[in-house]
């Protein structure tokens, strides 16, 4: 990477991509990655539900501890109005042009698909040969998934 991650949006997207890369490395599917996010990161989900990013990449949040560094009072007012309307089931105000509403699950699924595609295309080496020798983690090559019996798992792995 030639340019540092200067905006809060870019830094958050880098974290999403790291989550996806690690999931691919561990053999997790995108759905399993999203299930982990849903079950283990409730506070993060709440903060991101109340979060937006402005066109220049700065974060805009509703809660005091979720406020972006360069967030203006007008942006705070909009986000609090959006949260109030969304919780009440009312029509939420239109998002200002250029703003982005994050959706970590969709972003992780897209990143997972991208990195899986790169892995299978050979961008990171010959995964087919690795899978043949060591097992196809995550069933990326499309073969039947086989479960190892406890007696088949090496002692050092138990």
N, C-alpha and C. Protein backbone atom coordinates (compact mmCIF):
# COMPACT_ATOMS: atom_id res chain seq x y z
N UNK A 1 0.85 -1.16 0.00
CA UNK A 1 0.00 0.00 0.00
C UNK A 1 0.89 1.23 0.00
N UNK A 2 0.65 2.11 -0.92
CA UNK A 2 1.48 3.30 -1.06
C UNK A 2 0.97 4.46 -0.22
N UNK A 3 -0.32 4.47 0.10
CA UNK A 3 -0.92 5.59 0.81
C UNK A 3 -1.44 5.12 2.16
N UNK A 4 -1.17 5.88 3.23
CA UNK A 4 -1.73 5.49 4.53
C UNK A 4 -3.25 5.62 4.55
N UNK A 5 -3.87 4.93 5.46
CA UNK A 5 -5.32 4.99 5.60
C UNK A 5 -5.66 6.24 6.42
N UNK A 6 -6.01 7.31 5.74
CA UNK A 6 -6.18 8.61 6.38
C UNK A 6 -7.57 8.89 6.93
N UNK A 7 -8.59 8.26 6.40
CA UNK A 7 -9.95 8.55 6.88
C UNK A 7 -10.45 7.43 7.77
N UNK A 8 -11.42 7.77 8.59
CA UNK A 8 -12.02 6.77 9.47
C UNK A 8 -12.71 5.68 8.65
N UNK A 9 -13.29 6.05 7.52
CA UNK A 9 -13.94 5.07 6.65
C UNK A 9 -12.91 4.08 6.10
N UNK A 10 -11.79 4.57 5.62
CA UNK A 10 -10.74 3.70 5.07
C UNK A 10 -10.19 2.76 6.15
N UNK A 11 -9.99 3.27 7.36
CA UNK A 11 -9.47 2.42 8.44
C UNK A 11 -10.48 1.34 8.81
N UNK A 12 -11.77 1.69 8.83
CA UNK A 12 -12.80 0.70 9.15
C UNK A 12 -12.86 -0.37 8.06
N UNK A 13 -12.78 0.04 6.79
CA UNK A 13 -12.82 -0.94 5.71
C UNK A 13 -11.61 -1.87 5.76
N UNK A 14 -10.46 -1.36 6.18
CA UNK A 14 -9.28 -2.21 6.34
C UNK A 14 -9.53 -3.27 7.41
N UNK A 15 -10.19 -2.89 8.49
CA UNK A 15 -10.52 -3.87 9.54
C UNK A 15 -11.49 -4.93 9.03
N UNK A 16 -12.46 -4.52 8.23
CA UNK A 16 -13.41 -5.47 7.64
C UNK A 16 -12.66 -6.45 6.74
N UNK A 17 -11.72 -5.94 5.93
CA UNK A 17 -10.96 -6.81 5.04
C UNK A 17 -10.05 -7.76 5.82
N UNK A 18 -9.49 -7.29 6.92
CA UNK A 18 -8.66 -8.17 7.75
C UNK A 18 -9.52 -9.30 8.31
N UNK A 19 -10.73 -8.98 8.77
CA UNK A 19 -11.64 -10.03 9.25
C UNK A 19 -11.91 -11.06 8.17
N UNK A 20 -12.14 -10.60 6.94
CA UNK A 20 -12.43 -11.52 5.83
C UNK A 20 -11.22 -12.37 5.47
N UNK A 21 -10.04 -11.76 5.44
CA UNK A 21 -8.82 -12.51 5.12
C UNK A 21 -8.57 -13.61 6.15
N UNK A 22 -8.73 -13.26 7.42
CA UNK A 22 -8.52 -14.25 8.48
C UNK A 22 -9.55 -15.37 8.37
N UNK A 23 -10.80 -15.02 8.06
CA UNK A 23 -11.82 -16.05 7.90
C UNK A 23 -11.46 -17.01 6.77
N UNK A 24 -10.98 -16.48 5.65
CA UNK A 24 -10.56 -17.33 4.53
C UNK A 24 -9.40 -18.22 4.98
N UNK A 25 -8.45 -17.63 5.70
CA UNK A 25 -7.29 -18.41 6.17
C UNK A 25 -7.70 -19.53 7.12
N UNK A 26 -8.73 -19.28 7.94
CA UNK A 26 -9.18 -20.29 8.90
C UNK A 26 -10.18 -21.28 8.30
N UNK A 27 -10.58 -21.04 7.04
CA UNK A 27 -11.51 -21.94 6.39
C UNK A 27 -12.97 -21.67 6.77
N UNK A 28 -13.27 -20.47 7.26
CA UNK A 28 -14.65 -20.12 7.58
C UNK A 28 -15.35 -19.61 6.34
N UNK A 29 -16.64 -19.88 6.24
CA UNK A 29 -17.43 -19.31 5.16
C UNK A 29 -17.82 -17.89 5.53
N UNK A 30 -18.32 -17.15 4.55
CA UNK A 30 -18.78 -15.78 4.83
C UNK A 30 -19.94 -15.81 5.82
N UNK A 31 -20.83 -16.79 5.70
CA UNK A 31 -21.95 -16.89 6.63
C UNK A 31 -21.47 -17.19 8.05
N UNK A 32 -20.46 -18.03 8.19
CA UNK A 32 -19.91 -18.31 9.52
C UNK A 32 -19.25 -17.05 10.11
N UNK A 33 -18.56 -16.30 9.27
CA UNK A 33 -17.95 -15.05 9.72
C UNK A 33 -19.02 -14.09 10.21
N UNK A 34 -20.11 -13.96 9.45
CA UNK A 34 -21.20 -13.06 9.85
C UNK A 34 -21.89 -13.56 11.12
N UNK A 35 -22.01 -14.88 11.27
CA UNK A 35 -22.62 -15.43 12.49
C UNK A 35 -21.77 -15.11 13.72
N UNK A 36 -20.45 -15.18 13.57
CA UNK A 36 -19.56 -14.81 14.67
C UNK A 36 -19.75 -13.34 15.01
N UNK A 37 -19.82 -12.49 14.00
CA UNK A 37 -20.03 -11.06 14.21
C UNK A 37 -21.35 -10.82 14.95
N UNK A 38 -22.43 -11.47 14.49
CA UNK A 38 -23.73 -11.27 15.12
C UNK A 38 -23.76 -11.76 16.56
N UNK A 39 -23.11 -12.89 16.82
CA UNK A 39 -23.21 -13.49 18.15
C UNK A 39 -22.21 -12.93 19.16
N UNK A 40 -21.07 -12.44 18.71
CA UNK A 40 -20.02 -12.04 19.65
C UNK A 40 -19.78 -10.54 19.74
N UNK A 41 -20.30 -9.77 18.81
CA UNK A 41 -19.95 -8.35 18.78
C UNK A 41 -21.20 -7.47 18.78
N UNK A 42 -22.05 -7.68 19.77
CA UNK A 42 -23.30 -6.94 19.88
C UNK A 42 -23.10 -5.44 20.04
N UNK A 43 -22.13 -5.04 20.83
CA UNK A 43 -21.89 -3.60 21.06
C UNK A 43 -21.41 -2.94 19.77
N UNK A 44 -20.50 -3.60 19.06
CA UNK A 44 -20.03 -3.06 17.78
C UNK A 44 -21.20 -2.94 16.79
N UNK A 45 -22.08 -3.95 16.75
CA UNK A 45 -23.25 -3.89 15.87
C UNK A 45 -24.13 -2.70 16.21
N UNK A 46 -24.32 -2.45 17.51
CA UNK A 46 -25.15 -1.30 17.93
C UNK A 46 -24.52 0.00 17.47
N UNK A 47 -23.24 0.17 17.69
CA UNK A 47 -22.57 1.41 17.30
C UNK A 47 -22.61 1.60 15.79
N UNK A 48 -22.40 0.51 15.04
CA UNK A 48 -22.40 0.64 13.59
C UNK A 48 -23.81 0.86 13.04
N UNK A 49 -24.83 0.39 13.74
CA UNK A 49 -26.20 0.65 13.32
C UNK A 49 -26.49 2.15 13.40
N UNK A 50 -25.89 2.83 14.36
CA UNK A 50 -26.09 4.27 14.55
C UNK A 50 -25.04 5.10 13.83
N UNK A 51 -24.28 4.53 12.93
CA UNK A 51 -23.12 5.20 12.34
C UNK A 51 -23.33 5.50 10.86
N UNK A 52 -22.76 6.61 10.44
CA UNK A 52 -22.70 7.00 9.03
C UNK A 52 -21.28 7.48 8.76
N UNK A 53 -20.96 7.60 7.49
CA UNK A 53 -19.70 8.23 7.09
C UNK A 53 -20.02 9.32 6.10
N UNK A 54 -19.42 10.49 6.28
CA UNK A 54 -19.62 11.62 5.36
C UNK A 54 -18.84 11.36 4.08
N UNK A 55 -19.10 12.17 3.09
CA UNK A 55 -18.45 12.00 1.78
C UNK A 55 -16.94 12.06 1.86
N UNK A 56 -16.40 12.81 2.81
CA UNK A 56 -14.94 12.90 2.95
C UNK A 56 -14.35 11.79 3.81
N UNK A 57 -15.19 10.86 4.29
CA UNK A 57 -14.70 9.70 5.03
C UNK A 57 -14.71 9.84 6.53
N UNK A 58 -15.16 10.97 7.09
CA UNK A 58 -15.17 11.05 8.55
C UNK A 58 -16.43 10.40 9.12
N UNK A 59 -16.28 9.83 10.31
CA UNK A 59 -17.34 9.07 10.96
C UNK A 59 -18.33 10.02 11.61
N UNK A 60 -19.61 9.61 11.57
CA UNK A 60 -20.67 10.36 12.21
C UNK A 60 -21.49 9.36 13.01
N UNK A 61 -21.53 9.55 14.33
CA UNK A 61 -22.25 8.63 15.20
C UNK A 61 -23.24 9.35 16.08
N UNK A 62 -24.19 8.60 16.65
CA UNK A 62 -25.23 9.19 17.48
C UNK A 62 -24.83 9.22 18.96
N UNK A 63 -24.22 8.14 19.45
CA UNK A 63 -23.88 8.06 20.86
C UNK A 63 -22.64 8.90 21.17
N UNK A 64 -22.55 9.37 22.38
CA UNK A 64 -21.43 10.23 22.78
C UNK A 64 -20.09 9.56 22.53
N UNK A 65 -19.98 8.27 22.83
CA UNK A 65 -18.72 7.55 22.66
C UNK A 65 -18.56 7.00 21.25
N UNK A 66 -19.47 7.34 20.35
CA UNK A 66 -19.39 6.89 18.96
C UNK A 66 -19.30 8.07 18.00
N UNK A 67 -18.99 9.23 18.53
CA UNK A 67 -18.93 10.45 17.72
C UNK A 67 -17.60 10.51 16.99
N UNK A 68 -17.65 10.89 15.72
CA UNK A 68 -16.43 11.04 14.94
C UNK A 68 -15.65 12.27 15.36
N UNK A 69 -14.37 12.29 15.02
CA UNK A 69 -13.48 13.37 15.43
C UNK A 69 -13.93 14.71 14.85
N UNK A 70 -14.33 14.74 13.58
CA UNK A 70 -14.69 15.99 12.91
C UNK A 70 -16.20 16.17 12.77
N UNK A 71 -16.95 15.49 13.59
CA UNK A 71 -18.41 15.54 13.49
C UNK A 71 -18.94 16.89 13.93
N UNK A 72 -19.86 17.44 13.13
CA UNK A 72 -20.45 18.75 13.44
C UNK A 72 -21.75 18.56 14.22
N UNK A 73 -22.24 19.60 14.90
CA UNK A 73 -23.53 19.51 15.59
C UNK A 73 -24.69 19.19 14.64
N UNK A 74 -24.64 19.70 13.41
CA UNK A 74 -25.70 19.41 12.44
C UNK A 74 -25.71 17.93 12.08
N UNK A 75 -24.53 17.35 11.94
CA UNK A 75 -24.44 15.91 11.63
C UNK A 75 -24.97 15.10 12.80
N UNK A 76 -24.64 15.51 14.02
CA UNK A 76 -25.14 14.82 15.21
C UNK A 76 -26.66 14.88 15.25
N UNK A 77 -27.24 16.04 14.96
CA UNK A 77 -28.69 16.21 14.95
C UNK A 77 -29.33 15.26 13.94
N UNK A 78 -28.76 15.17 12.73
CA UNK A 78 -29.31 14.29 11.70
C UNK A 78 -29.28 12.83 12.16
N UNK A 79 -28.14 12.39 12.69
CA UNK A 79 -28.01 10.98 13.07
C UNK A 79 -28.97 10.65 14.21
N UNK A 80 -29.10 11.54 15.18
CA UNK A 80 -30.03 11.28 16.29
C UNK A 80 -31.47 11.24 15.79
N UNK A 81 -31.82 12.10 14.83
CA UNK A 81 -33.17 12.07 14.23
C UNK A 81 -33.38 10.77 13.47
N UNK A 82 -32.36 10.31 12.74
CA UNK A 82 -32.46 9.06 11.99
C UNK A 82 -32.66 7.89 12.95
N UNK A 83 -31.87 7.85 14.03
CA UNK A 83 -31.97 6.75 15.00
C UNK A 83 -33.35 6.74 15.65
N UNK A 84 -33.82 7.92 16.04
CA UNK A 84 -35.14 8.01 16.69
C UNK A 84 -36.24 7.52 15.74
N UNK A 85 -36.20 7.93 14.49
CA UNK A 85 -37.21 7.50 13.51
C UNK A 85 -37.11 6.00 13.25
N UNK A 86 -35.89 5.49 13.11
CA UNK A 86 -35.70 4.06 12.83
C UNK A 86 -36.19 3.20 13.99
N UNK A 87 -35.93 3.62 15.21
CA UNK A 87 -36.38 2.85 16.38
C UNK A 87 -37.90 2.87 16.51
N UNK A 88 -38.52 4.00 16.12
CA UNK A 88 -39.97 4.12 16.22
C UNK A 88 -40.68 3.47 15.03
N UNK A 89 -39.92 3.07 14.03
CA UNK A 89 -40.52 2.47 12.83
C UNK A 89 -41.06 3.51 11.87
N UNK A 90 -40.70 4.77 12.09
CA UNK A 90 -41.14 5.85 11.21
C UNK A 90 -40.23 5.95 10.00
N UNK A 91 -40.65 6.76 9.05
CA UNK A 91 -39.83 7.01 7.87
C UNK A 91 -38.60 7.81 8.29
N UNK A 92 -37.41 7.26 8.05
CA UNK A 92 -36.17 7.93 8.44
C UNK A 92 -35.89 9.08 7.48
N UNK A 93 -35.26 10.14 7.98
CA UNK A 93 -34.92 11.26 7.08
C UNK A 93 -33.97 10.79 5.98
N UNK A 94 -34.05 11.45 4.83
CA UNK A 94 -33.16 11.11 3.71
C UNK A 94 -31.72 11.41 4.09
N UNK A 95 -30.86 10.48 3.75
CA UNK A 95 -29.44 10.61 4.04
C UNK A 95 -28.85 11.68 3.12
N UNK A 96 -28.03 12.56 3.66
CA UNK A 96 -27.39 13.58 2.81
C UNK A 96 -26.57 12.93 1.69
N UNK A 97 -26.48 13.62 0.58
CA UNK A 97 -25.76 13.10 -0.57
C UNK A 97 -24.29 12.85 -0.23
N UNK A 98 -23.80 11.71 -0.64
CA UNK A 98 -22.40 11.36 -0.41
C UNK A 98 -22.15 10.60 0.88
N UNK A 99 -23.14 10.56 1.77
CA UNK A 99 -22.97 9.83 3.02
C UNK A 99 -23.09 8.33 2.75
N UNK A 100 -22.46 7.53 3.59
CA UNK A 100 -22.48 6.08 3.47
C UNK A 100 -22.98 5.50 4.79
N UNK A 101 -23.92 4.56 4.71
CA UNK A 101 -24.40 3.82 5.88
C UNK A 101 -23.70 2.48 5.87
N UNK A 102 -22.83 2.21 6.85
CA UNK A 102 -22.09 0.95 6.82
C UNK A 102 -22.99 -0.26 7.07
N UNK A 103 -22.61 -1.36 6.45
CA UNK A 103 -23.27 -2.65 6.64
C UNK A 103 -22.16 -3.70 6.70
N UNK A 104 -21.66 -3.94 7.89
CA UNK A 104 -20.48 -4.79 8.05
C UNK A 104 -20.71 -6.19 7.49
N UNK A 105 -21.87 -6.75 7.68
CA UNK A 105 -22.09 -8.12 7.19
C UNK A 105 -21.98 -8.18 5.66
N UNK A 106 -22.60 -7.24 4.97
CA UNK A 106 -22.51 -7.22 3.50
C UNK A 106 -21.08 -6.94 3.06
N UNK A 107 -20.40 -6.04 3.76
CA UNK A 107 -19.01 -5.72 3.40
C UNK A 107 -18.09 -6.91 3.65
N UNK A 108 -18.29 -7.63 4.77
CA UNK A 108 -17.46 -8.81 5.03
C UNK A 108 -17.72 -9.90 4.00
N UNK A 109 -19.00 -10.08 3.61
CA UNK A 109 -19.33 -11.10 2.61
C UNK A 109 -18.68 -10.77 1.26
N UNK A 110 -18.72 -9.48 0.85
CA UNK A 110 -18.08 -9.08 -0.41
C UNK A 110 -16.57 -9.29 -0.33
N UNK A 111 -15.95 -8.88 0.77
CA UNK A 111 -14.50 -9.04 0.92
C UNK A 111 -14.13 -10.51 0.94
N UNK A 112 -14.92 -11.33 1.64
CA UNK A 112 -14.66 -12.77 1.70
C UNK A 112 -14.71 -13.37 0.30
N UNK A 113 -15.73 -13.00 -0.48
CA UNK A 113 -15.85 -13.52 -1.85
C UNK A 113 -14.66 -13.06 -2.70
N UNK A 114 -14.24 -11.82 -2.52
CA UNK A 114 -13.11 -11.30 -3.30
C UNK A 114 -11.82 -12.05 -2.96
N UNK A 115 -11.54 -12.22 -1.67
CA UNK A 115 -10.30 -12.90 -1.28
C UNK A 115 -10.34 -14.38 -1.60
N UNK A 116 -11.52 -15.01 -1.50
CA UNK A 116 -11.64 -16.41 -1.90
C UNK A 116 -11.39 -16.55 -3.40
N UNK A 117 -11.94 -15.64 -4.18
CA UNK A 117 -11.71 -15.66 -5.63
C UNK A 117 -10.24 -15.49 -5.97
N UNK A 118 -9.58 -14.59 -5.27
CA UNK A 118 -8.14 -14.39 -5.51
C UNK A 118 -7.35 -15.64 -5.13
N UNK A 119 -7.73 -16.27 -4.01
CA UNK A 119 -7.04 -17.48 -3.58
C UNK A 119 -7.19 -18.59 -4.62
N UNK A 120 -8.42 -18.79 -5.09
CA UNK A 120 -8.67 -19.85 -6.06
C UNK A 120 -8.08 -19.55 -7.43
N UNK A 121 -7.89 -18.26 -7.75
CA UNK A 121 -7.29 -17.87 -9.04
C UNK A 121 -5.77 -18.03 -9.02
N UNK A 122 -5.22 -18.36 -7.86
CA UNK A 122 -3.78 -18.58 -7.78
C UNK A 122 -2.98 -17.34 -7.45
N UNK A 123 -3.65 -16.26 -7.09
CA UNK A 123 -2.94 -15.02 -6.78
C UNK A 123 -2.04 -15.17 -5.56
N UNK A 124 -2.39 -16.08 -4.66
CA UNK A 124 -1.60 -16.28 -3.44
C UNK A 124 -0.86 -17.61 -3.46
N UNK A 125 -0.66 -18.18 -4.62
CA UNK A 125 -0.01 -19.48 -4.72
C UNK A 125 -1.01 -20.52 -5.23
N UNK A 126 -0.57 -21.73 -5.33
CA UNK A 126 -1.39 -22.81 -5.86
C UNK A 126 -2.21 -23.45 -4.74
N UNK A 127 -3.43 -22.92 -4.53
CA UNK A 127 -4.26 -23.44 -3.45
C UNK A 127 -4.73 -24.86 -3.73
N UNK A 128 -4.95 -25.20 -5.00
CA UNK A 128 -5.41 -26.56 -5.33
C UNK A 128 -4.38 -27.59 -4.88
N UNK A 129 -3.10 -27.30 -5.11
CA UNK A 129 -2.05 -28.22 -4.67
C UNK A 129 -1.99 -28.28 -3.15
N UNK A 130 -2.10 -27.12 -2.51
CA UNK A 130 -2.10 -27.09 -1.04
C UNK A 130 -3.30 -27.87 -0.50
N UNK A 131 -4.48 -27.64 -1.10
CA UNK A 131 -5.68 -28.33 -0.65
C UNK A 131 -5.58 -29.82 -0.82
N UNK A 132 -4.95 -30.26 -1.90
CA UNK A 132 -4.78 -31.71 -2.12
C UNK A 132 -3.87 -32.32 -1.07
N UNK A 133 -2.86 -31.57 -0.65
CA UNK A 133 -1.90 -32.11 0.32
C UNK A 133 -2.38 -31.98 1.76
N UNK A 134 -2.98 -30.84 2.10
CA UNK A 134 -3.30 -30.55 3.49
C UNK A 134 -4.79 -30.53 3.80
N UNK A 135 -5.63 -30.66 2.81
CA UNK A 135 -7.07 -30.58 3.02
C UNK A 135 -7.60 -29.23 2.59
N UNK A 136 -8.78 -29.26 2.05
CA UNK A 136 -9.41 -28.05 1.53
C UNK A 136 -10.18 -27.36 2.64
N UNK A 137 -9.54 -26.47 3.36
CA UNK A 137 -10.16 -25.75 4.47
C UNK A 137 -11.29 -24.88 3.93
N UNK A 138 -12.47 -25.02 4.49
CA UNK A 138 -13.60 -24.22 4.05
C UNK A 138 -14.26 -24.74 2.80
N UNK A 139 -13.83 -25.89 2.28
CA UNK A 139 -14.42 -26.50 1.09
C UNK A 139 -14.42 -25.53 -0.09
N UNK A 140 -13.34 -24.79 -0.27
CA UNK A 140 -13.26 -23.79 -1.33
C UNK A 140 -13.17 -24.41 -2.71
N UNK A 141 -12.66 -25.61 -2.81
CA UNK A 141 -12.52 -26.26 -4.11
C UNK A 141 -13.78 -27.02 -4.51
N UNK A 142 -14.77 -27.08 -3.62
CA UNK A 142 -16.05 -27.66 -3.97
C UNK A 142 -16.16 -29.15 -3.76
N UNK A 143 -15.17 -29.79 -3.18
CA UNK A 143 -15.25 -31.22 -2.90
C UNK A 143 -16.13 -31.48 -1.69
N UNK A 144 -16.41 -32.73 -1.42
CA UNK A 144 -17.22 -33.07 -0.26
C UNK A 144 -16.42 -32.80 1.01
N UNK A 145 -17.07 -32.19 1.95
CA UNK A 145 -16.44 -31.89 3.25
C UNK A 145 -16.46 -33.18 4.07
N UNK A 146 -15.33 -33.55 4.60
CA UNK A 146 -15.27 -34.75 5.42
C UNK A 146 -14.88 -34.37 6.83
N UNK A 147 -15.53 -35.00 7.77
CA UNK A 147 -15.22 -34.77 9.17
C UNK A 147 -14.21 -35.82 9.62
N UNK A 148 -13.22 -35.38 10.37
CA UNK A 148 -12.25 -36.32 10.92
C UNK A 148 -12.78 -36.89 12.22
N UNK A 149 -12.62 -38.18 12.38
CA UNK A 149 -12.96 -38.80 13.65
C UNK A 149 -11.89 -38.38 14.66
N UNK A 150 -12.24 -38.27 15.95
CA UNK A 150 -11.24 -37.85 16.93
C UNK A 150 -9.97 -38.68 16.90
N UNK A 151 -10.06 -39.95 16.53
CA UNK A 151 -8.85 -40.78 16.48
C UNK A 151 -7.97 -40.41 15.27
N UNK A 152 -8.55 -39.75 14.24
CA UNK A 152 -7.79 -39.36 13.06
C UNK A 152 -7.06 -38.03 13.23
N UNK A 153 -7.41 -37.28 14.29
CA UNK A 153 -6.80 -35.98 14.51
C UNK A 153 -5.50 -36.19 15.27
N UNK A 154 -4.40 -35.61 14.77
CA UNK A 154 -3.13 -35.78 15.49
C UNK A 154 -3.24 -35.29 16.93
N UNK A 155 -2.54 -35.97 17.82
CA UNK A 155 -2.59 -35.67 19.25
C UNK A 155 -2.27 -34.21 19.52
N UNK A 156 -1.28 -33.65 18.83
CA UNK A 156 -0.87 -32.26 19.08
C UNK A 156 -1.94 -31.26 18.67
N UNK A 157 -2.94 -31.70 17.89
CA UNK A 157 -4.01 -30.81 17.46
C UNK A 157 -5.23 -30.87 18.35
N UNK A 158 -5.27 -31.84 19.28
CA UNK A 158 -6.46 -31.99 20.13
C UNK A 158 -6.46 -31.01 21.26
